[in-house]
Amino acid sequence: ENDSGEFIPGIKGIKTLRLPVFISTCHEKEYISKES
């Protein structure tokens, strides 16, 4: 619980080439819950 951090495999490089990408995930709260 107290031992966590950002997951970054490798080294972040410069985004020199970036084709149109649409990434849209969502937080688990956005899913319909068991109660719902």
PDB file of all heavy atoms in Angstrom:
ATOM      1  N   GLU A   1       0.817  -1.207   0.000  1.00  0.00           N
ATOM      2  CA  GLU A   1       0.000   0.000   0.000  1.00  0.00           C
ATOM      3  C   GLU A   1       0.848   1.253   0.000  1.00  0.00           C
ATOM      4  O   GLU A   1       0.489   2.266  -0.623  1.00  0.00           O
ATOM      5  CB  GLU A   1      -0.918  -0.012   1.223  1.00  0.00           C
ATOM      6  CG  GLU A   1      -1.873   1.177   1.269  1.00  0.00           C
ATOM      7  CD  GLU A   1      -2.820   1.103   2.451  1.00  0.00           C
ATOM      8  OE1 GLU A   1      -2.837   0.057   3.138  1.00  0.00           O
ATOM      9  OE2 GLU A   1      -3.535   2.085   2.678  1.00  0.00           O
ATOM     10  N   ASN A   2       1.986   1.193   0.682  1.00  0.00           N
ATOM     11  CA  ASN A   2       2.846   2.371   0.795  1.00  0.00           C
ATOM     12  C   ASN A   2       4.064   2.304  -0.105  1.00  0.00           C
ATOM     13  O   ASN A   2       4.942   3.162  -0.029  1.00  0.00           O
ATOM     14  CB  ASN A   2       3.292   2.552   2.251  1.00  0.00           C
ATOM     15  CG  ASN A   2       2.115   2.780   3.185  1.00  0.00           C
ATOM     16  OD1 ASN A   2       1.194   3.511   2.862  1.00  0.00           O
ATOM     17  ND2 ASN A   2       2.169   2.145   4.356  1.00  0.00           N
ATOM     18  N   ASP A   3       4.148   1.268  -0.918  1.00  0.00           N
ATOM     19  CA  ASP A   3       5.311   1.092  -1.791  1.00  0.00           C
ATOM     20  C   ASP A   3       4.822   1.024  -3.230  1.00  0.00           C
ATOM     21  O   ASP A   3       4.442  -0.036  -3.730  1.00  0.00           O
ATOM     22  CB  ASP A   3       6.061  -0.186  -1.414  1.00  0.00           C
ATOM     23  CG  ASP A   3       7.410  -0.289  -2.150  1.00  0.00           C
ATOM     24  OD1 ASP A   3       7.797   0.698  -2.807  1.00  0.00           O
ATOM     25  OD2 ASP A   3       8.039  -1.352  -2.060  1.00  0.00           O
ATOM     26  N   SER A   4       4.782   2.172  -3.901  1.00  0.00           N
ATOM     27  CA  SER A   4       4.276   2.237  -5.271  1.00  0.00           C
ATOM     28  C   SER A   4       4.951   3.376  -6.012  1.00  0.00           C
ATOM     29  O   SER A   4       5.672   4.188  -5.424  1.00  0.00           O
ATOM     30  CB  SER A   4       2.756   2.438  -5.270  1.00  0.00           C
ATOM     31  OG  SER A   4       2.429   3.674  -4.653  1.00  0.00           O
ATOM     32  N   GLY A   5       4.753   3.422  -7.290  1.00  0.00           N
ATOM     33  CA  GLY A   5       5.358   4.481  -8.085  1.00  0.00           C
ATOM     34  C   GLY A   5       4.893   4.413  -9.523  1.00  0.00           C
ATOM     35  O   GLY A   5       4.115   3.538  -9.918  1.00  0.00           O
ATOM     36  N   GLU A   6       5.367   5.329 -10.324  1.00  0.00           N
ATOM     37  CA  GLU A   6       4.988   5.380 -11.727  1.00  0.00           C
ATOM     38  C   GLU A   6       5.685   4.266 -12.506  1.00  0.00           C
ATOM     39  O   GLU A   6       6.888   4.038 -12.344  1.00  0.00           O
ATOM     40  CB  GLU A   6       5.358   6.749 -12.316  1.00  0.00           C
ATOM     41  CG  GLU A   6       4.842   6.967 -13.728  1.00  0.00           C
ATOM     42  CD  GLU A   6       5.200   8.350 -14.252  1.00  0.00           C
ATOM     43  OE1 GLU A   6       5.942   9.074 -13.562  1.00  0.00           O
ATOM     44  OE2 GLU A   6       4.743   8.690 -15.366  1.00  0.00           O
ATOM     45  N   PHE A   7       4.936   3.543 -13.318  1.00  0.00           N
ATOM     46  CA  PHE A   7       5.498   2.436 -14.100  1.00  0.00           C
ATOM     47  C   PHE A   7       5.962   2.967 -15.454  1.00  0.00           C
ATOM     48  O   PHE A   7       5.169   3.282 -16.330  1.00  0.00           O
ATOM     49  CB  PHE A   7       4.444   1.348 -14.299  1.00  0.00           C
ATOM     50  CG  PHE A   7       4.956   0.171 -15.096  1.00  0.00           C
ATOM     51  CD1 PHE A   7       5.870  -0.712 -14.536  1.00  0.00           C
ATOM     52  CD2 PHE A   7       4.517  -0.040 -16.397  1.00  0.00           C
ATOM     53  CE1 PHE A   7       6.338  -1.799 -15.260  1.00  0.00           C
ATOM     54  CE2 PHE A   7       4.986  -1.122 -17.129  1.00  0.00           C
ATOM     55  CZ  PHE A   7       5.895  -2.001 -16.557  1.00  0.00           C
ATOM     56  N   ILE A   8       7.302   3.081 -15.609  1.00  0.00           N
ATOM     57  CA  ILE A   8       7.880   3.605 -16.850  1.00  0.00           C
ATOM     58  C   ILE A   8       8.982   2.652 -17.314  1.00  0.00           C
ATOM     59  O   ILE A   8      10.132   2.763 -16.885  1.00  0.00           O
ATOM     60  CB  ILE A   8       8.454   5.017 -16.654  1.00  0.00           C
ATOM     61  CG1 ILE A   8       7.394   5.951 -16.088  1.00  0.00           C
ATOM     62  CG2 ILE A   8       8.981   5.560 -17.979  1.00  0.00           C
ATOM     63  CD1 ILE A   8       7.880   7.357 -15.829  1.00  0.00           C
ATOM     64  N   PRO A   9       8.672   1.679 -18.134  1.00  0.00           N
ATOM     65  CA  PRO A   9       9.709   0.756 -18.639  1.00  0.00           C
ATOM     66  C   PRO A   9      10.646   1.473 -19.605  1.00  0.00           C
ATOM     67  O   PRO A   9      10.216   2.099 -20.569  1.00  0.00           O
ATOM     68  CB  PRO A   9       8.880  -0.313 -19.362  1.00  0.00           C
ATOM     69  CG  PRO A   9       7.607   0.370 -19.738  1.00  0.00           C
ATOM     70  CD  PRO A   9       7.342   1.372 -18.666  1.00  0.00           C
ATOM     71  N   GLY A  10      11.916   1.425 -19.318  1.00  0.00           N
ATOM     72  CA  GLY A  10      12.882   2.099 -20.172  1.00  0.00           C
ATOM     73  C   GLY A  10      12.987   3.562 -19.803  1.00  0.00           C
ATOM     74  O   GLY A  10      12.698   3.981 -18.687  1.00  0.00           O
ATOM     75  N   ILE A  11      13.371   4.362 -20.745  1.00  0.00           N
ATOM     76  CA  ILE A  11      13.542   5.794 -20.535  1.00  0.00           C
ATOM     77  C   ILE A  11      12.630   6.543 -21.488  1.00  0.00           C
ATOM     78  O   ILE A  11      12.591   6.254 -22.684  1.00  0.00           O
ATOM     79  CB  ILE A  11      15.007   6.215 -20.791  1.00  0.00           C
ATOM     80  CG1 ILE A  11      15.942   5.442 -19.839  1.00  0.00           C
ATOM     81  CG2 ILE A  11      15.180   7.724 -20.604  1.00  0.00           C
ATOM     82  CD1 ILE A  11      17.398   5.709 -20.112  1.00  0.00           C
ATOM     83  N   LYS A  12      11.944   7.520 -20.928  1.00  0.00           N
ATOM     84  CA  LYS A  12      11.048   8.296 -21.777  1.00  0.00           C
ATOM     85  C   LYS A  12      11.869   9.112 -22.774  1.00  0.00           C
ATOM     86  O   LYS A  12      12.761   9.863 -22.405  1.00  0.00           O
ATOM     87  CB  LYS A  12      10.177   9.229 -20.929  1.00  0.00           C
ATOM     88  CG  LYS A  12       9.125   8.513 -20.117  1.00  0.00           C
ATOM     89  CD  LYS A  12       7.976   9.430 -19.748  1.00  0.00           C
ATOM     90  CE  LYS A  12       8.386  10.488 -18.774  1.00  0.00           C
ATOM     91  NZ  LYS A  12       7.219  11.282 -18.298  1.00  0.00           N
ATOM     92  N   GLY A  13      11.540   8.933 -24.047  1.00  0.00           N
ATOM     93  CA  GLY A  13      12.254   9.656 -25.091  1.00  0.00           C
ATOM     94  C   GLY A  13      11.460  10.857 -25.574  1.00  0.00           C
ATOM     95  O   GLY A  13      10.412  11.194 -25.039  1.00  0.00           O
ATOM     96  N   ILE A  14      11.984  11.485 -26.592  1.00  0.00           N
ATOM     97  CA  ILE A  14      11.313  12.632 -27.178  1.00  0.00           C
ATOM     98  C   ILE A  14      10.305  12.144 -28.206  1.00  0.00           C
ATOM     99  O   ILE A  14      10.627  11.331 -29.074  1.00  0.00           O
ATOM    100  CB  ILE A  14      12.327  13.579 -27.847  1.00  0.00           C
ATOM    101  CG1 ILE A  14      13.344  14.075 -26.808  1.00  0.00           C
ATOM    102  CG2 ILE A  14      11.620  14.764 -28.508  1.00  0.00           C
ATOM    103  CD1 ILE A  14      14.450  14.924 -27.398  1.00  0.00           C
ATOM    104  N   LYS A  15       9.104  12.629 -28.122  1.00  0.00           N
ATOM    105  CA  LYS A  15       8.057  12.178 -29.043  1.00  0.00           C
ATOM    106  C   LYS A  15       8.212  12.905 -30.376  1.00  0.00           C
ATOM    107  O   LYS A  15       7.547  13.892 -30.664  1.00  0.00           O
ATOM    108  CB  LYS A  15       6.681  12.440 -28.446  1.00  0.00           C
ATOM    109  CG  LYS A  15       6.470  11.805 -27.082  1.00  0.00           C
ATOM    110  CD  LYS A  15       5.110  12.171 -26.529  1.00  0.00           C
ATOM    111  CE  LYS A  15       4.944  11.653 -25.107  1.00  0.00           C
ATOM    112  NZ  LYS A  15       3.637  11.984 -24.528  1.00  0.00           N
ATOM    113  N   THR A  16       9.153  12.409 -31.180  1.00  0.00           N
ATOM    114  CA  THR A  16       9.413  13.071 -32.447  1.00  0.00           C
ATOM    115  C   THR A  16       8.441  12.620 -33.530  1.00  0.00           C
ATOM    116  O   THR A  16       8.137  13.365 -34.442  1.00  0.00           O
ATOM    117  CB  THR A  16      10.843  12.764 -32.916  1.00  0.00           C
ATOM    118  OG1 THR A  16      11.022  11.339 -32.955  1.00  0.00           O
ATOM    119  CG2 THR A  16      11.850  13.361 -31.963  1.00  0.00           C
ATOM    120  N   LEU A  17       7.967  11.402 -33.447  1.00  0.00           N
ATOM    121  CA  LEU A  17       7.025  10.883 -34.433  1.00  0.00           C
ATOM    122  C   LEU A  17       5.776  10.432 -33.716  1.00  0.00           C
ATOM    123  O   LEU A  17       5.818   9.554 -32.877  1.00  0.00           O
ATOM    124  CB  LEU A  17       7.649   9.693 -35.195  1.00  0.00           C
ATOM    125  CG  LEU A  17       6.708   8.956 -36.154  1.00  0.00           C
ATOM    126  CD1 LEU A  17       6.238   9.892 -37.260  1.00  0.00           C
ATOM    127  CD2 LEU A  17       7.386   7.729 -36.741  1.00  0.00           C
ATOM    128  N   ARG A  18       4.674  11.059 -34.060  1.00  0.00           N
ATOM    129  CA  ARG A  18       3.445  10.682 -33.377  1.00  0.00           C
ATOM    130  C   ARG A  18       2.287  10.740 -34.358  1.00  0.00           C
ATOM    131  O   ARG A  18       1.804  11.814 -34.708  1.00  0.00           O
ATOM    132  CB  ARG A  18       3.176  11.587 -32.192  1.00  0.00           C
ATOM    133  CG  ARG A  18       1.996  11.107 -31.352  1.00  0.00           C
ATOM    134  CD  ARG A  18       2.170  11.487 -29.915  1.00  0.00           C
ATOM    135  NE  ARG A  18       1.207  10.788 -29.086  1.00  0.00           N
ATOM    136  CZ  ARG A  18       1.196  10.815 -27.782  1.00  0.00           C
ATOM    137  NH1 ARG A  18       2.122  11.483 -27.148  1.00  0.00           N
ATOM    138  NH2 ARG A  18       0.300  10.161 -27.098  1.00  0.00           N
ATOM    139  N   LEU A  19       1.882   9.584 -34.817  1.00  0.00           N
ATOM    140  CA  LEU A  19       0.728   9.506 -35.691  1.00  0.00           C
ATOM    141  C   LEU A  19      -0.520   9.758 -34.868  1.00  0.00           C
ATOM    142  O   LEU A  19      -0.501   9.670 -33.649  1.00  0.00           O
ATOM    143  CB  LEU A  19       0.660   8.108 -36.342  1.00  0.00           C
ATOM    144  CG  LEU A  19       1.892   7.710 -37.158  1.00  0.00           C
ATOM    145  CD1 LEU A  19       1.715   6.297 -37.671  1.00  0.00           C
ATOM    146  CD2 LEU A  19       2.134   8.672 -38.308  1.00  0.00           C
ATOM    147  N   PRO A  20      -1.643  10.110 -35.523  1.00  0.00           N
ATOM    148  CA  PRO A  20      -2.874  10.325 -34.757  1.00  0.00           C
ATOM    149  C   PRO A  20      -3.264   9.095 -33.946  1.00  0.00           C
ATOM    150  O   PRO A  20      -3.541   8.039 -34.498  1.00  0.00           O
ATOM    151  CB  PRO A  20      -3.916  10.626 -35.844  1.00  0.00           C
ATOM    152  CG  PRO A  20      -3.125  11.131 -36.993  1.00  0.00           C
ATOM    153  CD  PRO A  20      -1.830  10.371 -36.947  1.00  0.00           C
ATOM    154  N   VAL A  21      -3.227   9.218 -32.638  1.00  0.00           N
ATOM    155  CA  VAL A  21      -3.557   8.106 -31.757  1.00  0.00           C
ATOM    156  C   VAL A  21      -4.619   8.588 -30.772  1.00  0.00           C
ATOM    157  O   VAL A  21      -4.504   9.664 -30.198  1.00  0.00           O
ATOM    158  CB  VAL A  21      -2.321   7.620 -30.978  1.00  0.00           C
ATOM    159  CG1 VAL A  21      -2.713   6.526 -29.994  1.00  0.00           C
ATOM    160  CG2 VAL A  21      -1.276   7.098 -31.945  1.00  0.00           C
ATOM    161  N   PHE A  22      -5.641   7.805 -30.597  1.00  0.00           N
ATOM    162  CA  PHE A  22      -6.696   8.166 -29.672  1.00  0.00           C
ATOM    163  C   PHE A  22      -6.754   7.114 -28.578  1.00  0.00           C
ATOM    164  O   PHE A  22      -7.293   6.033 -28.769  1.00  0.00           O
ATOM    165  CB  PHE A  22      -8.030   8.275 -30.407  1.00  0.00           C
ATOM    166  CG  PHE A  22      -8.004   9.296 -31.506  1.00  0.00           C
ATOM    167  CD1 PHE A  22      -7.745   8.917 -32.810  1.00  0.00           C
ATOM    168  CD2 PHE A  22      -8.197  10.633 -31.225  1.00  0.00           C
ATOM    169  CE1 PHE A  22      -7.707   9.866 -33.821  1.00  0.00           C
ATOM    170  CE2 PHE A  22      -8.167  11.585 -32.224  1.00  0.00           C
ATOM    171  CZ  PHE A  22      -7.913  11.195 -33.533  1.00  0.00           C
ATOM    172  N   ILE A  23      -6.147   7.416 -27.458  1.00  0.00           N
ATOM    173  CA  ILE A  23      -6.110   6.497 -26.331  1.00  0.00           C
ATOM    174  C   ILE A  23      -7.125   6.960 -25.303  1.00  0.00           C
ATOM    175  O   ILE A  23      -7.062   8.077 -24.828  1.00  0.00           O
ATOM    176  CB  ILE A  23      -4.708   6.449 -25.698  1.00  0.00           C
ATOM    177  CG1 ILE A  23      -3.692   5.940 -26.734  1.00  0.00           C
ATOM    178  CG2 ILE A  23      -4.700   5.574 -24.459  1.00  0.00           C
ATOM    179  CD1 ILE A  23      -2.274   5.965 -26.234  1.00  0.00           C
ATOM    180  N   SER A  24      -8.053   6.129 -24.975  1.00  0.00           N
ATOM    181  CA  SER A  24      -9.049   6.504 -23.978  1.00  0.00           C
ATOM    182  C   SER A  24      -9.422   5.298 -23.146  1.00  0.00           C
ATOM    183  O   SER A  24     -10.263   4.512 -23.509  1.00  0.00           O
ATOM    184  CB  SER A  24     -10.294   7.081 -24.656  1.00  0.00           C
ATOM    185  OG  SER A  24     -11.216   7.469 -23.692  1.00  0.00           O
ATOM    186  N   THR A  25      -8.715   5.116 -22.061  1.00  0.00           N
ATOM    187  CA  THR A  25      -9.117   4.112 -21.093  1.00  0.00           C
ATOM    188  C   THR A  25      -9.898   4.842 -20.024  1.00  0.00           C
ATOM    189  O   THR A  25     -10.146   6.026 -20.143  1.00  0.00           O
ATOM    190  CB  THR A  25      -7.883   3.429 -20.484  1.00  0.00           C
ATOM    191  OG1 THR A  25      -7.048   4.453 -19.929  1.00  0.00           O
ATOM    192  CG2 THR A  25      -7.110   2.671 -21.544  1.00  0.00           C
ATOM    193  N   CYS A  26     -10.290   4.185 -18.975  1.00  0.00           N
ATOM    194  CA  CYS A  26     -11.030   4.902 -17.957  1.00  0.00           C
ATOM    195  C   CYS A  26     -10.774   4.291 -16.586  1.00  0.00           C
ATOM    196  O   CYS A  26     -10.349   3.156 -16.470  1.00  0.00           O
ATOM    197  CB  CYS A  26     -12.518   4.918 -18.261  1.00  0.00           C
ATOM    198  SG  CYS A  26     -13.318   3.361 -17.944  1.00  0.00           S
ATOM    199  N   HIS A  27     -11.028   5.102 -15.600  1.00  0.00           N
ATOM    200  CA  HIS A  27     -10.879   4.675 -14.224  1.00  0.00           C
ATOM    201  C   HIS A  27     -11.938   3.626 -13.913  1.00  0.00           C
ATOM    202  O   HIS A  27     -13.039   3.652 -14.454  1.00  0.00           O
ATOM    203  CB  HIS A  27     -11.049   5.895 -13.308  1.00  0.00           C
ATOM    204  CG  HIS A  27     -10.526   5.668 -11.935  1.00  0.00           C
ATOM    205  ND1 HIS A  27     -11.263   5.010 -10.976  1.00  0.00           N
ATOM    206  CD2 HIS A  27      -9.362   6.012 -11.340  1.00  0.00           C
ATOM    207  CE1 HIS A  27     -10.570   4.971  -9.848  1.00  0.00           C
ATOM    208  NE2 HIS A  27      -9.423   5.567 -10.047  1.00  0.00           N
ATOM    209  N   GLU A  28     -11.600   2.686 -13.004  1.00  0.00           N
ATOM    210  CA  GLU A  28     -12.552   1.613 -12.714  1.00  0.00           C
ATOM    211  C   GLU A  28     -13.867   2.124 -12.159  1.00  0.00           C
ATOM    212  O   GLU A  28     -14.896   1.467 -12.263  1.00  0.00           O
ATOM    213  CB  GLU A  28     -11.939   0.595 -11.741  1.00  0.00           C
ATOM    214  CG  GLU A  28     -11.347   1.206 -10.482  1.00  0.00           C
ATOM    215  CD  GLU A  28      -9.861   1.468 -10.595  1.00  0.00           C
ATOM    216  OE1 GLU A  28      -9.402   1.850 -11.683  1.00  0.00           O
ATOM    217  OE2 GLU A  28      -9.146   1.295  -9.598  1.00  0.00           O
ATOM    218  N   LYS A  29     -13.863   3.337 -11.587  1.00  0.00           N
ATOM    219  CA  LYS A  29     -15.111   3.895 -11.069  1.00  0.00           C
ATOM    220  C   LYS A  29     -16.120   4.167 -12.182  1.00  0.00           C
ATOM    221  O   LYS A  29     -17.307   4.293 -11.930  1.00  0.00           O
ATOM    222  CB  LYS A  29     -14.823   5.198 -10.323  1.00  0.00           C
ATOM    223  CG  LYS A  29     -14.331   5.016  -8.894  1.00  0.00           C
ATOM    224  CD  LYS A  29     -14.276   6.359  -8.196  1.00  0.00           C
ATOM    225  CE  LYS A  29     -13.926   6.181  -6.719  1.00  0.00           C
ATOM    226  NZ  LYS A  29     -13.887   7.482  -6.018  1.00  0.00           N
ATOM    227  N   GLU A  30     -15.632   4.297 -13.435  1.00  0.00           N
ATOM    228  CA  GLU A  30     -16.531   4.610 -14.529  1.00  0.00           C
ATOM    229  C   GLU A  30     -17.346   3.395 -14.973  1.00  0.00           C
ATOM    230  O   GLU A  30     -18.307   3.532 -15.725  1.00  0.00           O
ATOM    231  CB  GLU A  30     -15.743   5.174 -15.717  1.00  0.00           C
ATOM    232  CG  GLU A  30     -14.937   6.415 -15.393  1.00  0.00           C
ATOM    233  CD  GLU A  30     -15.799   7.549 -14.865  1.00  0.00           C
ATOM    234  OE1 GLU A  30     -16.998   7.581 -15.175  1.00  0.00           O
ATOM    235  OE2 GLU A  30     -15.277   8.394 -14.127  1.00  0.00           O
ATOM    236  N   TYR A  31     -16.946   2.203 -14.577  1.00  0.00           N
ATOM    237  CA  TYR A  31     -17.728   1.025 -14.923  1.00  0.00           C
ATOM    238  C   TYR A  31     -18.927   0.912 -13.983  1.00  0.00           C
ATOM    239  O   TYR A  31     -18.908   1.391 -12.861  1.00  0.00           O
ATOM    240  CB  TYR A  31     -16.876  -0.252 -14.798  1.00  0.00           C
ATOM    241  CG  TYR A  31     -15.842  -0.388 -15.876  1.00  0.00           C
ATOM    242  CD1 TYR A  31     -14.547   0.081 -15.678  1.00  0.00           C
ATOM    243  CD2 TYR A  31     -16.145  -1.000 -17.084  1.00  0.00           C
ATOM    244  CE1 TYR A  31     -13.589  -0.038 -16.671  1.00  0.00           C
ATOM    245  CE2 TYR A  31     -15.200  -1.123 -18.074  1.00  0.00           C
ATOM    246  CZ  TYR A  31     -13.918  -0.649 -17.860  1.00  0.00           C
ATOM    247  OH  TYR A  31     -12.977  -0.758 -18.843  1.00  0.00           O
ATOM    248  N   ILE A  32     -19.972   0.278 -14.486  1.00  0.00           N
ATOM    249  CA  ILE A  32     -21.146   0.067 -13.648  1.00  0.00           C
ATOM    250  C   ILE A  32     -20.766  -0.852 -12.492  1.00  0.00           C
ATOM    251  O   ILE A  32     -20.237  -1.943 -12.702  1.00  0.00           O
ATOM    252  CB  ILE A  32     -22.297  -0.543 -14.465  1.00  0.00           C
ATOM    253  CG1 ILE A  32     -22.769   0.470 -15.517  1.00  0.00           C
ATOM    254  CG2 ILE A  32     -23.464  -0.923 -13.568  1.00  0.00           C
ATOM    255  CD1 ILE A  32     -23.864  -0.045 -16.413  1.00  0.00           C
ATOM    256  N   SER A  33     -21.048  -0.430 -11.286  1.00  0.00           N
ATOM    257  CA  SER A  33     -20.662  -1.185 -10.098  1.00  0.00           C
ATOM    258  C   SER A  33     -21.641  -2.326  -9.831  1.00  0.00           C
ATOM    259  O   SER A  33     -22.718  -2.406 -10.428  1.00  0.00           O
ATOM    260  CB  SER A  33     -20.616  -0.257  -8.888  1.00  0.00           C
ATOM    261  OG  SER A  33     -21.923   0.239  -8.611  1.00  0.00           O
ATOM    262  N   LYS A  34     -21.256  -3.198  -8.900  1.00  0.00           N
ATOM    263  CA  LYS A  34     -22.135  -4.295  -8.498  1.00  0.00           C
ATOM    264  C   LYS A  34     -23.441  -3.736  -7.934  1.00  0.00           C
ATOM    265  O   LYS A  34     -24.534  -4.257  -8.219  1.00  0.00           O
ATOM    266  CB  LYS A  34     -21.430  -5.167  -7.453  1.00  0.00           C
ATOM    267  CG  LYS A  34     -22.259  -6.351  -6.969  1.00  0.00           C
ATOM    268  CD  LYS A  34     -21.473  -7.179  -5.962  1.00  0.00           C
ATOM    269  CE  LYS A  34     -22.306  -8.353  -5.463  1.00  0.00           C
ATOM    270  NZ  LYS A  34     -21.557  -9.177  -4.473  1.00  0.00           N
ATOM    271  N   GLU A  35     -23.327  -2.678  -7.171  1.00  0.00           N
ATOM    272  CA  GLU A  35     -24.512  -2.048  -6.600  1.00  0.00           C
ATOM    273  C   GLU A  35     -25.420  -1.506  -7.697  1.00  0.00           C
ATOM    274  O   GLU A  35     -26.649  -1.643  -7.638  1.00  0.00           O
ATOM    275  CB  GLU A  35     -24.088  -0.918  -5.659  1.00  0.00           C
ATOM    276  CG  GLU A  35     -25.259  -0.196  -5.008  1.00  0.00           C
ATOM    277  CD  GLU A  35     -24.800   0.949  -4.116  1.00  0.00           C
ATOM    278  OE1 GLU A  35     -23.578   1.102  -3.912  1.00  0.00           O
ATOM    279  OE2 GLU A  35     -25.668   1.698  -3.619  1.00  0.00           O
ATOM    280  N   SER A  36     -24.798  -0.888  -8.725  1.00  0.00           N
ATOM    281  CA  SER A  36     -25.584  -0.347  -9.833  1.00  0.00           C
ATOM    282  C   SER A  36     -26.297  -1.449 -10.591  1.00  0.00           C
ATOM    283  O   SER A  36     -27.466  -1.305 -10.985  1.00  0.00           O
ATOM    284  CB  SER A  36     -24.680   0.449 -10.786  1.00  0.00           C
ATOM    285  OG  SER A  36     -24.116   1.570 -10.142  1.00  0.00           O
TER     286      SER A  36
END
